[in-house]
């Protein structure tokens, strides 16, 4: 998995390429450490993400909770059909903001 981060003012964009699973979710958690303190928006670009497991969902949920606690915003972008199905089955589509270009 490759993680690319880009800050633009108070907005952080995190692009993920590859699978977000039990092996790689800790890498994403580590990459986000300290990054959420001074941002109001976090965008996850999942266009290159082929799969997520419950471990990946936990990282997304934790990030959502951090942003929600500080009245911030978290958006998932470019979610493919397979990922959307996982998000839907897990109930995440009920509270996560999803944008597809």
PDB file of N, CA and C in Angstrom:
ATOM      1  N   UNK A   1       0.844  -1.169   0.000  1.00  0.00           N
ATOM      2  CA  UNK A   1       0.000   0.000   0.000  1.00  0.00           C
ATOM      3  C   UNK A   1       0.892   1.236   0.000  1.00  0.00           C
ATOM      4  N   UNK A   2       0.503   2.216  -0.796  1.00  0.00           N
ATOM      5  CA  UNK A   2       1.181   3.510  -0.823  1.00  0.00           C
ATOM      6  C   UNK A   2       0.245   4.570  -0.281  1.00  0.00           C
ATOM      7  N   UNK A   3       0.766   5.435   0.583  1.00  0.00           N
ATOM      8  CA  UNK A   3       0.002   6.523   1.174  1.00  0.00           C
ATOM      9  C   UNK A   3       0.676   7.833   0.798  1.00  0.00           C
ATOM     10  N   UNK A   4      -0.101   8.741   0.234  1.00  0.00           N
ATOM     11  CA  UNK A   4       0.401  10.060  -0.105  1.00  0.00           C
ATOM     12  C   UNK A   4      -0.444  11.081   0.622  1.00  0.00           C
ATOM     13  N   UNK A   5       0.215  12.013   1.305  1.00  0.00           N
ATOM     14  CA  UNK A   5      -0.494  13.051   2.044  1.00  0.00           C
ATOM     15  C   UNK A   5      -0.163  14.409   1.442  1.00  0.00           C
ATOM     16  N   UNK A   6      -1.182  15.261   1.387  1.00  0.00           N
ATOM     17  CA  UNK A   6      -0.975  16.618   0.893  1.00  0.00           C
ATOM     18  C   UNK A   6      -1.822  17.576   1.723  1.00  0.00           C
ATOM     19  N   UNK A   7      -1.173  18.585   2.302  1.00  0.00           N
ATOM     20  CA  UNK A   7      -1.890  19.598   3.069  1.00  0.00           C
ATOM     21  C   UNK A   7      -2.039  20.848   2.225  1.00  0.00           C
ATOM     22  N   UNK A   8      -3.239  21.395   2.275  1.00  0.00           N
ATOM     23  CA  UNK A   8      -3.527  22.658   1.604  1.00  0.00           C
ATOM     24  C   UNK A   8      -4.307  23.505   2.600  1.00  0.00           C
ATOM     25  N   UNK A   9      -3.603  24.332   3.352  1.00  0.00           N
ATOM     26  CA  UNK A   9      -4.245  25.114   4.398  1.00  0.00           C
ATOM     27  C   UNK A   9      -4.739  24.198   5.500  1.00  0.00           C
ATOM     28  N   UNK A  10      -6.049  24.239   5.744  1.00  0.00           N
ATOM     29  CA  UNK A  10      -6.626  23.414   6.804  1.00  0.00           C
ATOM     30  C   UNK A  10      -7.246  22.131   6.256  1.00  0.00           C
ATOM     31  N   UNK A  11      -6.825  21.765   5.052  1.00  0.00           N
ATOM     32  CA  UNK A  11      -7.351  20.558   4.410  1.00  0.00           C
ATOM     33  C   UNK A  11      -6.229  19.556   4.174  1.00  0.00           C
ATOM     34  N   UNK A  12      -6.456  18.312   4.587  1.00  0.00           N
ATOM     35  CA  UNK A  12      -5.510  17.230   4.364  1.00  0.00           C
ATOM     36  C   UNK A  12      -6.139  16.233   3.406  1.00  0.00           C
ATOM     37  N   UNK A  13      -5.404  15.925   2.343  1.00  0.00           N
ATOM     38  CA  UNK A  13      -5.848  14.894   1.412  1.00  0.00           C
ATOM     39  C   UNK A  13      -4.910  13.703   1.552  1.00  0.00           C
ATOM     40  N   UNK A  14      -5.494  12.543   1.764  1.00  0.00           N
ATOM     41  CA  UNK A  14      -4.737  11.307   1.925  1.00  0.00           C
ATOM     42  C   UNK A  14      -5.148  10.365   0.797  1.00  0.00           C
ATOM     43  N   UNK A  15      -4.205  10.063  -0.078  1.00  0.00           N
ATOM     44  CA  UNK A  15      -4.468   9.135  -1.186  1.00  0.00           C
ATOM     45  C   UNK A  15      -3.906   7.776  -0.821  1.00  0.00           C
ATOM     46  N   UNK A  16      -4.725   6.750  -1.022  1.00  0.00           N
ATOM     47  CA  UNK A  16      -4.332   5.388  -0.669  1.00  0.00           C
ATOM     48  C   UNK A  16      -4.379   4.527  -1.920  1.00  0.00           C
ATOM     49  N   UNK A  17      -3.255   3.867  -2.196  1.00  0.00           N
ATOM     50  CA  UNK A  17      -3.184   2.940  -3.320  1.00  0.00           C
ATOM     51  C   UNK A  17      -2.894   1.549  -2.794  1.00  0.00           C
ATOM     52  N   UNK A  18      -3.711   0.583  -3.198  1.00  0.00           N
ATOM     53  CA  UNK A  18      -3.525  -0.788  -2.764  1.00  0.00           C
ATOM     54  C   UNK A  18      -4.622  -1.208  -1.810  1.00  0.00           C
ATOM     55  N   UNK A  19      -4.361  -2.248  -1.056  1.00  0.00           N
ATOM     56  CA  UNK A  19      -5.339  -2.796  -0.116  1.00  0.00           C
ATOM     57  C   UNK A  19      -5.158  -2.188   1.269  1.00  0.00           C
ATOM     58  N   UNK A  20      -6.274  -1.896   1.899  1.00  0.00           N
ATOM     59  CA  UNK A  20      -6.287  -1.403   3.274  1.00  0.00           C
ATOM     60  C   UNK A  20      -6.805  -2.553   4.131  1.00  0.00           C
ATOM     61  N   UNK A  21      -5.879  -3.281   4.736  1.00  0.00           N
ATOM     62  CA  UNK A  21      -6.258  -4.494   5.449  1.00  0.00           C
ATOM     63  C   UNK A  21      -5.497  -4.602   6.771  1.00  0.00           C
ATOM     64  N   UNK A  22      -5.539  -5.757   7.374  1.00  0.00           N
ATOM     65  CA  UNK A  22      -4.933  -5.972   8.689  1.00  0.00           C
ATOM     66  C   UNK A  22      -3.427  -5.676   8.686  1.00  0.00           C
ATOM     67  N   UNK A  23      -2.778  -5.901   7.565  1.00  0.00           N
ATOM     68  CA  UNK A  23      -1.336  -5.635   7.473  1.00  0.00           C
ATOM     69  C   UNK A  23      -1.027  -4.164   7.251  1.00  0.00           C
ATOM     70  N   UNK A  24      -1.883  -3.457   6.509  1.00  0.00           N
ATOM     71  CA  UNK A  24      -1.564  -2.092   6.114  1.00  0.00           C
ATOM     72  C   UNK A  24      -2.293  -1.007   6.914  1.00  0.00           C
ATOM     73  N   UNK A  25      -3.377  -1.358   7.591  1.00  0.00           N
ATOM     74  CA  UNK A  25      -4.126  -0.368   8.373  1.00  0.00           C
ATOM     75  C   UNK A  25      -3.250   0.320   9.424  1.00  0.00           C
ATOM     76  N   UNK A  26      -2.349  -0.410  10.108  1.00  0.00           N
ATOM     77  CA  UNK A  26      -1.473   0.285  11.061  1.00  0.00           C
ATOM     78  C   UNK A  26      -0.586   1.346  10.401  1.00  0.00           C
ATOM     79  N   UNK A  27      -0.195   1.113   9.150  1.00  0.00           N
ATOM     80  CA  UNK A  27       0.603   2.109   8.420  1.00  0.00           C
ATOM     81  C   UNK A  27      -0.200   3.392   8.209  1.00  0.00           C
ATOM     82  N   UNK A  28      -1.475   3.243   7.889  1.00  0.00           N
ATOM     83  CA  UNK A  28      -2.327   4.415   7.705  1.00  0.00           C
ATOM     84  C   UNK A  28      -2.514   5.142   9.033  1.00  0.00           C
ATOM     85  N   UNK A  29      -2.750   4.403  10.096  1.00  0.00           N
ATOM     86  CA  UNK A  29      -2.880   5.018  11.422  1.00  0.00           C
ATOM     87  C   UNK A  29      -1.640   5.825  11.766  1.00  0.00           C
ATOM     88  N   UNK A  30      -0.494   5.241  11.522  1.00  0.00           N
ATOM     89  CA  UNK A  30       0.772   5.913  11.819  1.00  0.00           C
ATOM     90  C   UNK A  30       0.957   7.153  10.950  1.00  0.00           C
ATOM     91  N   UNK A  31       0.569   7.066   9.691  1.00  0.00           N
ATOM     92  CA  UNK A  31       0.694   8.207   8.780  1.00  0.00           C
ATOM     93  C   UNK A  31      -0.208   9.368   9.195  1.00  0.00           C
ATOM     94  N   UNK A  32      -1.300   9.064   9.884  1.00  0.00           N
ATOM     95  CA  UNK A  32      -2.232  10.106  10.311  1.00  0.00           C
ATOM     96  C   UNK A  32      -1.872  10.726  11.657  1.00  0.00           C
ATOM     97  N   UNK A  33      -0.971  10.092  12.401  1.00  0.00           N
ATOM     98  CA  UNK A  33      -0.598  10.592  13.718  1.00  0.00           C
ATOM     99  C   UNK A  33      -0.111  12.032  13.633  1.00  0.00           C
ATOM    100  N   UNK A  34      -0.725  12.899  14.419  1.00  0.00           N
ATOM    101  CA  UNK A  34      -0.334  14.302  14.464  1.00  0.00           C
ATOM    102  C   UNK A  34      -0.806  15.133  13.294  1.00  0.00           C
ATOM    103  N   UNK A  35      -1.303  14.501  12.253  1.00  0.00           N
ATOM    104  CA  UNK A  35      -1.725  15.223  11.048  1.00  0.00           C
ATOM    105  C   UNK A  35      -3.109  15.858  11.198  1.00  0.00           C
ATOM    106  N   UNK A  36      -3.931  15.338  12.109  1.00  0.00           N
ATOM    107  CA  UNK A  36      -5.310  15.802  12.223  1.00  0.00           C
ATOM    108  C   UNK A  36      -5.463  16.994  13.163  1.00  0.00           C
ATOM    109  N   UNK A  37      -4.393  17.310  13.895  1.00  0.00           N
ATOM    110  CA  UNK A  37      -4.470  18.364  14.895  1.00  0.00           C
ATOM    111  C   UNK A  37      -4.806  19.734  14.318  1.00  0.00           C
ATOM    112  N   UNK A  38      -4.228  20.075  13.186  1.00  0.00           N
ATOM    113  CA  UNK A  38      -4.387  21.429  12.655  1.00  0.00           C
ATOM    114  C   UNK A  38      -5.139  21.481  11.322  1.00  0.00           C
ATOM    115  N   UNK A  39      -6.007  20.503  11.088  1.00  0.00           N
ATOM    116  CA  UNK A  39      -6.821  20.526   9.873  1.00  0.00           C
ATOM    117  C   UNK A  39      -8.302  20.495  10.236  1.00  0.00           C
ATOM    118  N   UNK A  40      -9.099  21.075   9.361  1.00  0.00           N
ATOM    119  CA  UNK A  40     -10.557  21.086   9.534  1.00  0.00           C
ATOM    120  C   UNK A  40     -11.246  20.083   8.617  1.00  0.00           C
ATOM    121  N   UNK A  41     -10.528  19.657   7.586  1.00  0.00           N
ATOM    122  CA  UNK A  41     -11.093  18.717   6.613  1.00  0.00           C
ATOM    123  C   UNK A  41     -10.063  17.643   6.277  1.00  0.00           C
ATOM    124  N   UNK A  42     -10.550  16.418   6.185  1.00  0.00           N
ATOM    125  CA  UNK A  42      -9.715  15.306   5.730  1.00  0.00           C
ATOM    126  C   UNK A  42     -10.442  14.639   4.571  1.00  0.00           C
ATOM    127  N   UNK A  43      -9.753  14.550   3.456  1.00  0.00           N
ATOM    128  CA  UNK A  43     -10.271  13.869   2.275  1.00  0.00           C
ATOM    129  C   UNK A  43      -9.440  12.622   2.053  1.00  0.00           C
ATOM    130  N   UNK A  44     -10.106  11.473   1.994  1.00  0.00           N
ATOM    131  CA  UNK A  44      -9.439  10.233   1.630  1.00  0.00           C
ATOM    132  C   UNK A  44      -9.753   9.965   0.173  1.00  0.00           C
ATOM    133  N   UNK A  45      -8.730   9.990  -0.670  1.00  0.00           N
ATOM    134  CA  UNK A  45      -8.904   9.643  -2.083  1.00  0.00           C
ATOM    135  C   UNK A  45      -8.664   8.139  -2.205  1.00  0.00           C
ATOM    136  N   UNK A  46      -9.743   7.414  -2.441  1.00  0.00           N
ATOM    137  CA  UNK A  46      -9.680   5.956  -2.487  1.00  0.00           C
ATOM    138  C   UNK A  46      -9.726   5.411  -3.915  1.00  0.00           C
ATOM    139  N   UNK A  47      -9.440   6.252  -4.888  1.00  0.00           N
ATOM    140  CA  UNK A  47      -9.469   5.831  -6.282  1.00  0.00           C
ATOM    141  C   UNK A  47      -8.526   4.681  -6.582  1.00  0.00           C
ATOM    142  N   UNK A  48      -7.426   4.595  -5.851  1.00  0.00           N
ATOM    143  CA  UNK A  48      -6.465   3.523  -6.062  1.00  0.00           C
ATOM    144  C   UNK A  48      -6.555   2.420  -5.037  1.00  0.00           C
ATOM    145  N   UNK A  49      -7.600   2.455  -4.219  1.00  0.00           N
ATOM    146  CA  UNK A  49      -7.764   1.462  -3.160  1.00  0.00           C
ATOM    147  C   UNK A  49      -8.616   0.314  -3.678  1.00  0.00           C
ATOM    148  N   UNK A  50      -8.055  -0.871  -3.653  1.00  0.00           N
ATOM    149  CA  UNK A  50      -8.744  -2.030  -4.233  1.00  0.00           C
ATOM    150  C   UNK A  50      -9.599  -2.784  -3.226  1.00  0.00           C
ATOM    151  N   UNK A  51      -9.301  -2.622  -1.917  1.00  0.00           N
ATOM    152  CA  UNK A  51      -9.973  -3.454  -0.922  1.00  0.00           C
ATOM    153  C   UNK A  51      -9.800  -2.824   0.447  1.00  0.00           C
ATOM    154  N   UNK A  52     -10.788  -2.997   1.311  1.00  0.00           N
ATOM    155  CA  UNK A  52     -10.625  -2.660   2.718  1.00  0.00           C
ATOM    156  C   UNK A  52     -11.256  -3.743   3.582  1.00  0.00           C
ATOM    157  N   UNK A  53     -10.578  -4.042   4.660  1.00  0.00           N
ATOM    158  CA  UNK A  53     -11.099  -5.003   5.633  1.00  0.00           C
ATOM    159  C   UNK A  53     -11.633  -4.222   6.830  1.00  0.00           C
ATOM    160  N   UNK A  54     -12.063  -4.942   7.842  1.00  0.00           N
ATOM    161  CA  UNK A  54     -12.564  -4.278   9.051  1.00  0.00           C
ATOM    162  C   UNK A  54     -11.462  -3.459   9.719  1.00  0.00           C
ATOM    163  N   UNK A  55     -10.222  -3.863   9.565  1.00  0.00           N
ATOM    164  CA  UNK A  55      -9.113  -3.089  10.132  1.00  0.00           C
ATOM    165  C   UNK A  55      -9.020  -1.715   9.470  1.00  0.00           C
ATOM    166  N   UNK A  56      -9.215  -1.673   8.165  1.00  0.00           N
ATOM    167  CA  UNK A  56      -9.232  -0.396   7.456  1.00  0.00           C
ATOM    168  C   UNK A  56     -10.432   0.441   7.841  1.00  0.00           C
ATOM    169  N   UNK A  57     -11.572  -0.207   8.008  1.00  0.00           N
ATOM    170  CA  UNK A  57     -12.778   0.512   8.436  1.00  0.00           C
ATOM    171  C   UNK A  57     -12.584   1.141   9.811  1.00  0.00           C
ATOM    172  N   UNK A  58     -11.864   0.449  10.694  1.00  0.00           N
ATOM    173  CA  UNK A  58     -11.607   1.006  12.029  1.00  0.00           C
ATOM    174  C   UNK A  58     -10.796   2.289  11.951  1.00  0.00           C
ATOM    175  N   UNK A  59      -9.804   2.331  11.068  1.00  0.00           N
ATOM    176  CA  UNK A  59      -8.990   3.540  10.910  1.00  0.00           C
ATOM    177  C   UNK A  59      -9.862   4.685  10.381  1.00  0.00           C
ATOM    178  N   UNK A  60     -10.715   4.390   9.413  1.00  0.00           N
ATOM    179  CA  UNK A  60     -11.613   5.419   8.882  1.00  0.00           C
ATOM    180  C   UNK A  60     -12.572   5.903   9.970  1.00  0.00           C
ATOM    181  N   UNK A  61     -13.106   4.983  10.751  1.00  0.00           N
ATOM    182  CA  UNK A  61     -14.023   5.348  11.822  1.00  0.00           C
ATOM    183  C   UNK A  61     -13.329   6.213  12.874  1.00  0.00           C
ATOM    184  N   UNK A  62     -12.138   5.829  13.255  1.00  0.00           N
ATOM    185  CA  UNK A  62     -11.385   6.604  14.248  1.00  0.00           C
ATOM    186  C   UNK A  62     -11.123   8.023  13.732  1.00  0.00           C
ATOM    187  N   UNK A  63     -10.749   8.133  12.468  1.00  0.00           N
ATOM    188  CA  UNK A  63     -10.500   9.446  11.880  1.00  0.00           C
ATOM    189  C   UNK A  63     -11.786  10.262  11.852  1.00  0.00           C
ATOM    190  N   UNK A  64     -12.886   9.629  11.473  1.00  0.00           N
ATOM    191  CA  UNK A  64     -14.186  10.312  11.465  1.00  0.00           C
ATOM    192  C   UNK A  64     -14.517  10.837  12.863  1.00  0.00           C
ATOM    193  N   UNK A  65     -14.296  10.026  13.877  1.00  0.00           N
ATOM    194  CA  UNK A  65     -14.618  10.428  15.250  1.00  0.00           C
ATOM    195  C   UNK A  65     -13.761  11.604  15.712  1.00  0.00           C
ATOM    196  N   UNK A  66     -12.492  11.596  15.347  1.00  0.00           N
ATOM    197  CA  UNK A  66     -11.604  12.718  15.688  1.00  0.00           C
ATOM    198  C   UNK A  66     -12.095  13.992  15.016  1.00  0.00           C
ATOM    199  N   UNK A  67     -12.428  13.893  13.736  1.00  0.00           N
ATOM    200  CA  UNK A  67     -12.876  15.082  12.999  1.00  0.00           C
ATOM    201  C   UNK A  67     -14.228  15.562  13.508  1.00  0.00           C
ATOM    202  N   UNK A  68     -15.117  14.643  13.807  1.00  0.00           N
ATOM    203  CA  UNK A  68     -16.435  15.022  14.307  1.00  0.00           C
ATOM    204  C   UNK A  68     -16.328  15.717  15.666  1.00  0.00           C
ATOM    205  N   UNK A  69     -15.439  15.252  16.522  1.00  0.00           N
ATOM    206  CA  UNK A  69     -15.264  15.834  17.855  1.00  0.00           C
ATOM    207  C   UNK A  69     -14.798  17.286  17.786  1.00  0.00           C
ATOM    208  N   UNK A  70     -14.110  17.640  16.719  1.00  0.00           N
ATOM    209  CA  UNK A  70     -13.637  19.018  16.578  1.00  0.00           C
ATOM    210  C   UNK A  70     -14.430  19.791  15.512  1.00  0.00           C
ATOM    211  N   UNK A  71     -15.640  19.305  15.226  1.00  0.00           N
ATOM    212  CA  UNK A  71     -16.524  19.930  14.234  1.00  0.00           C
ATOM    213  C   UNK A  71     -15.865  20.047  12.866  1.00  0.00           C
ATOM    214  N   UNK A  72     -15.050  19.050  12.539  1.00  0.00           N
ATOM    215  CA  UNK A  72     -14.406  19.015  11.236  1.00  0.00           C
ATOM    216  C   UNK A  72     -15.205  18.158  10.267  1.00  0.00           C
ATOM    217  N   UNK A  73     -14.589  17.905   9.146  1.00  0.00           N
ATOM    218  CA  UNK A  73     -15.266  17.177   8.065  1.00  0.00           C
ATOM    219  C   UNK A  73     -14.331  16.106   7.528  1.00  0.00           C
ATOM    220  N   UNK A  74     -14.894  14.939   7.242  1.00  0.00           N
ATOM    221  CA  UNK A  74     -14.145  13.870   6.599  1.00  0.00           C
ATOM    222  C   UNK A  74     -14.933  13.399   5.382  1.00  0.00           C
ATOM    223  N   UNK A  75     -14.247  13.286   4.253  1.00  0.00           N
ATOM    224  CA  UNK A  75     -14.895  12.908   3.001  1.00  0.00           C
ATOM    225  C   UNK A  75     -14.110  11.775   2.354  1.00  0.00           C
ATOM    226  N   UNK A  76     -14.831  10.781   1.848  1.00  0.00           N
ATOM    227  CA  UNK A  76     -14.230   9.720   1.046  1.00  0.00           C
ATOM    228  C   UNK A  76     -14.493  10.047  -0.413  1.00  0.00           C
ATOM    229  N   UNK A  77     -13.428  10.078  -1.202  1.00  0.00           N
ATOM    230  CA  UNK A  77     -13.568  10.405  -2.621  1.00  0.00           C
ATOM    231  C   UNK A  77     -13.181   9.214  -3.481  1.00  0.00           C
ATOM    232  N   UNK A  78     -13.793   9.160  -4.658  1.00  0.00           N
ATOM    233  CA  UNK A  78     -13.454   8.159  -5.674  1.00  0.00           C
ATOM    234  C   UNK A  78     -13.566   6.725  -5.154  1.00  0.00           C
ATOM    235  N   UNK A  79     -14.672   6.451  -4.492  1.00  0.00           N
ATOM    236  CA  UNK A  79     -14.929   5.135  -3.924  1.00  0.00           C
ATOM    237  C   UNK A  79     -15.460   4.212  -5.024  1.00  0.00           C
ATOM    238  N   UNK A  80     -14.740   3.123  -5.278  1.00  0.00           N
ATOM    239  CA  UNK A  80     -15.209   2.213  -6.327  1.00  0.00           C
ATOM    240  C   UNK A  80     -16.392   1.387  -5.821  1.00  0.00           C
ATOM    241  N   UNK A  81     -16.995   0.656  -6.712  1.00  0.00           N
ATOM    242  CA  UNK A  81     -18.213  -0.100  -6.402  1.00  0.00           C
ATOM    243  C   UNK A  81     -18.010  -1.142  -5.294  1.00  0.00           C
ATOM    244  N   UNK A  82     -16.879  -1.858  -5.348  1.00  0.00           N
ATOM    245  CA  UNK A  82     -16.608  -2.882  -4.340  1.00  0.00           C
ATOM    246  C   UNK A  82     -16.439  -2.267  -2.948  1.00  0.00           C
ATOM    247  N   UNK A  83     -15.696  -1.160  -2.880  1.00  0.00           N
ATOM    248  CA  UNK A  83     -15.521  -0.483  -1.588  1.00  0.00           C
ATOM    249  C   UNK A  83     -16.844   0.071  -1.087  1.00  0.00           C
ATOM    250  N   UNK A  84     -17.622   0.618  -2.002  1.00  0.00           N
ATOM    251  CA  UNK A  84     -18.925   1.152  -1.602  1.00  0.00           C
ATOM    252  C   UNK A  84     -19.795   0.046  -0.996  1.00  0.00           C
ATOM    253  N   UNK A  85     -19.759  -1.128  -1.588  1.00  0.00           N
ATOM    254  CA  UNK A  85     -20.534  -2.252  -1.054  1.00  0.00           C
ATOM    255  C   UNK A  85     -20.108  -2.594   0.375  1.00  0.00           C
ATOM    256  N   UNK A  86     -18.803  -2.591   0.637  1.00  0.00           N
ATOM    257  CA  UNK A  86     -18.305  -2.862   1.988  1.00  0.00           C
ATOM    258  C   UNK A  86     -18.775  -1.773   2.949  1.00  0.00           C
ATOM    259  N   UNK A  87     -18.694  -0.521   2.517  1.00  0.00           N
ATOM    260  CA  UNK A  87     -19.142   0.601   3.352  1.00  0.00           C
ATOM    261  C   UNK A  87     -20.643   0.528   3.616  1.00  0.00           C
ATOM    262  N   UNK A  88     -21.378   0.109   2.606  1.00  0.00           N
ATOM    263  CA  UNK A  88     -22.831  -0.006   2.763  1.00  0.00           C
ATOM    264  C   UNK A  88     -23.197  -1.145   3.720  1.00  0.00           C
ATOM    265  N   UNK A  89     -22.571  -2.296   3.533  1.00  0.00           N
ATOM    266  CA  UNK A  89     -22.848  -3.442   4.406  1.00  0.00           C
ATOM    267  C   UNK A  89     -22.492  -3.156   5.864  1.00  0.00           C
ATOM    268  N   UNK A  90     -21.461  -2.344   6.067  1.00  0.00           N
ATOM    269  CA  UNK A  90     -21.026  -2.034   7.430  1.00  0.00           C
ATOM    270  C   UNK A  90     -21.809  -0.871   8.042  1.00  0.00           C
ATOM    271  N   UNK A  91     -22.653  -0.228   7.242  1.00  0.00           N
ATOM    272  CA  UNK A  91     -23.445   0.896   7.737  1.00  0.00           C
ATOM    273  C   UNK A  91     -22.717   2.224   7.681  1.00  0.00           C
ATOM    274  N   UNK A  92     -21.518   2.251   7.145  1.00  0.00           N
ATOM    275  CA  UNK A  92     -20.727   3.478   7.103  1.00  0.00           C
ATOM    276  C   UNK A  92     -21.327   4.528   6.169  1.00  0.00           C
ATOM    277  N   UNK A  93     -22.055   4.106   5.148  1.00  0.00           N
ATOM    278  CA  UNK A  93     -22.637   5.090   4.225  1.00  0.00           C
ATOM    279  C   UNK A  93     -23.711   5.936   4.912  1.00  0.00           C
ATOM    280  N   UNK A  94     -24.187   5.477   6.071  1.00  0.00           N
ATOM    281  CA  UNK A  94     -25.207   6.219   6.799  1.00  0.00           C
ATOM    282  C   UNK A  94     -24.654   7.467   7.469  1.00  0.00           C
ATOM    283  N   UNK A  95     -23.337   7.505   7.712  1.00  0.00           N
ATOM    284  CA  UNK A  95     -22.788   8.673   8.394  1.00  0.00           C
ATOM    285  C   UNK A  95     -21.544   9.267   7.741  1.00  0.00           C
ATOM    286  N   UNK A  96     -20.922   8.565   6.813  1.00  0.00           N
ATOM    287  CA  UNK A  96     -19.756   9.112   6.123  1.00  0.00           C
ATOM    288  C   UNK A  96     -20.173   9.860   4.868  1.00  0.00           C
ATOM    289  N   UNK A  97     -19.461  10.918   4.590  1.00  0.00           N
ATOM    290  CA  UNK A  97     -19.693  11.688   3.372  1.00  0.00           C
ATOM    291  C   UNK A  97     -18.862  11.067   2.241  1.00  0.00           C
ATOM    292  N   UNK A  98     -19.518  10.734   1.139  1.00  0.00           N
ATOM    293  CA  UNK A  98     -18.855  10.093   0.016  1.00  0.00           C
ATOM    294  C   UNK A  98     -19.099  10.929  -1.230  1.00  0.00           C
ATOM    295  N   UNK A  99     -18.004  11.273  -1.917  1.00  0.00           N
ATOM    296  CA  UNK A  99     -18.078  12.047  -3.159  1.00  0.00           C
ATOM    297  C   UNK A  99     -17.373  11.273  -4.250  1.00  0.00           C
ATOM    298  N   UNK A 100     -18.026  11.105  -5.370  1.00  0.00           N
ATOM    299  CA  UNK A 100     -17.387  10.517  -6.535  1.00  0.00           C
ATOM    300  C   UNK A 100     -17.439  11.522  -7.667  1.00  0.00           C
ATOM    301  N   UNK A 101     -16.281  11.762  -8.269  1.00  0.00           N
ATOM    302  CA  UNK A 101     -16.196  12.737  -9.378  1.00  0.00           C
ATOM    303  C   UNK A 101     -16.843  12.189 -10.628  1.00  0.00           C
TER     304      UNK A 101
END
